[in-house]
Structures are given as structure tokens and as C-alpha cells.
Protein backbone atom coordinates (compact mmCIF):
# COMPACT_ATOMS: atom_id res chain seq x y z
CA MET A 1 -3.27 -7.94 13.23
CA ALA A 2 0.18 -6.69 12.19
CA MET A 3 -1.33 -3.78 10.25
CA LEU A 4 -3.40 -2.81 13.29
CA ALA A 5 -0.28 -2.87 15.46
CA LEU A 6 1.61 -0.72 12.94
CA ALA A 7 -1.29 1.75 12.81
CA LEU A 8 -1.25 1.97 16.62
CA LEU A 9 2.52 2.59 16.65
CA THR A 10 2.14 5.27 13.99
CA ALA A 11 -0.59 6.99 15.99
CA ILE A 12 1.58 6.94 19.11
CA ALA A 13 4.53 8.44 17.21
CA ALA A 14 2.34 11.13 15.60
CA ALA A 15 0.70 12.13 18.91
CA GLN A 16 3.99 13.08 20.55
CA PRO A 17 4.50 16.69 21.50
CA PRO A 18 7.31 18.45 19.63
CA SER A 19 10.63 17.72 21.29
CA ASP A 20 13.46 20.06 22.03
CA HIS A 21 16.79 19.75 20.27
CA ASP A 22 18.20 17.73 23.17
CA HIS A 23 16.82 14.45 21.84
CA ILE A 24 14.80 13.17 18.90
CA PRO A 25 11.17 12.12 19.37
CA LEU A 26 10.27 8.47 19.62
CA THR A 27 10.43 6.74 16.27
CA LEU A 28 8.40 3.71 15.17
CA PRO A 29 11.34 1.30 15.62
CA GLU A 30 12.00 2.71 19.10
CA ILE A 31 8.33 2.40 20.10
CA ARG A 32 8.37 -1.17 18.78
CA ARG A 33 11.60 -1.97 20.63
CA LEU A 34 10.55 -0.64 24.05
CA PRO A 35 7.72 -3.13 24.76
CA ALA A 36 9.84 -5.97 23.36
CA ALA A 37 12.72 -5.02 25.64
CA LEU A 38 10.41 -4.84 28.65
CA VAL A 39 8.59 -8.13 27.97
CA LEU A 40 11.42 -10.30 26.67
CA SER A 41 14.19 -9.22 29.04
CA ARG A 42 13.50 -10.06 32.67
CA LYS A 43 16.96 -8.92 33.74
CA ARG A 44 16.48 -5.24 32.92
CA SER A 45 14.19 -2.95 34.88
CA ILE A 46 11.81 -0.45 33.30
CA THR A 47 14.04 2.37 34.50
CA ASP A 48 17.08 0.89 32.75
CA VAL A 49 15.21 0.39 29.48
CA LEU A 50 13.82 3.94 29.51
CA ARG A 51 17.19 5.41 30.49
CA TRP A 52 18.87 3.59 27.58
CA SER A 53 16.15 4.79 25.19
CA HIS A 54 16.62 8.39 26.32
CA TRP A 55 20.42 8.11 25.95
CA ARG A 56 20.04 6.62 22.48
CA ARG A 57 17.67 9.34 21.28
CA ARG A 58 19.94 12.06 22.73
CA HIS A 59 22.94 10.45 20.98
CA GLN A 60 20.99 10.35 17.69
CA ALA A 61 20.09 14.03 18.06
CA THR A 62 23.75 14.91 18.57
CA ALA A 63 24.75 12.87 15.51
CA ARG A 64 21.99 14.48 13.41
CA HIS A 65 23.05 17.96 14.49
CA SER A 66 26.71 17.25 13.66
CA HIS A 67 25.76 15.79 10.30
CA TYR A 68 23.59 18.77 9.34
CA GLN A 69 26.23 21.22 10.55
CA ARG A 70 28.96 19.50 8.52
CA ARG A 71 26.78 19.41 5.38
CA SER A 72 26.05 23.13 5.65
CA GLU A 73 29.74 24.05 5.72
CA PRO A 74 31.18 25.20 2.36
């Protein structure tokens, strides 16, 4: 059952359209975290969970860009 779930998450992550440089695409841990956050937390709305996910992925894209830019400097 767990392998089937992981295969489904992998298929969802692979089927995403290419994203812009504003945020990173959904990763397997993020796809796994979203349903858990929606089911286990009754206090947060779907909008709040998705907004936090978008902020997190945008923040990760900014960190990745800064890291790559710093590594490319002589």
C-alpha cells in the first residue's frame, strides 16, 4: 500500500508543467504534506494551507537562486 502511494505521489510530481523561476515545482515531501495538513488540521482552511505551500516554494526558489549565484562567483 505504501509503495502504491509513493508511486502515485511520484506520478503527480512528474506530471507537473514546468514552473517559472518564481517558485519551485511541488516536491514529493510537499505533495505528501499537503493532504496531511488538510486532513489532520481542522483549524486551518484549504486556502491557508495552499498559501503557505506557495510561500514556502517561492522562498525555496529564492534560496536556491541565491545559492547557485553565490557558488558561481569566483
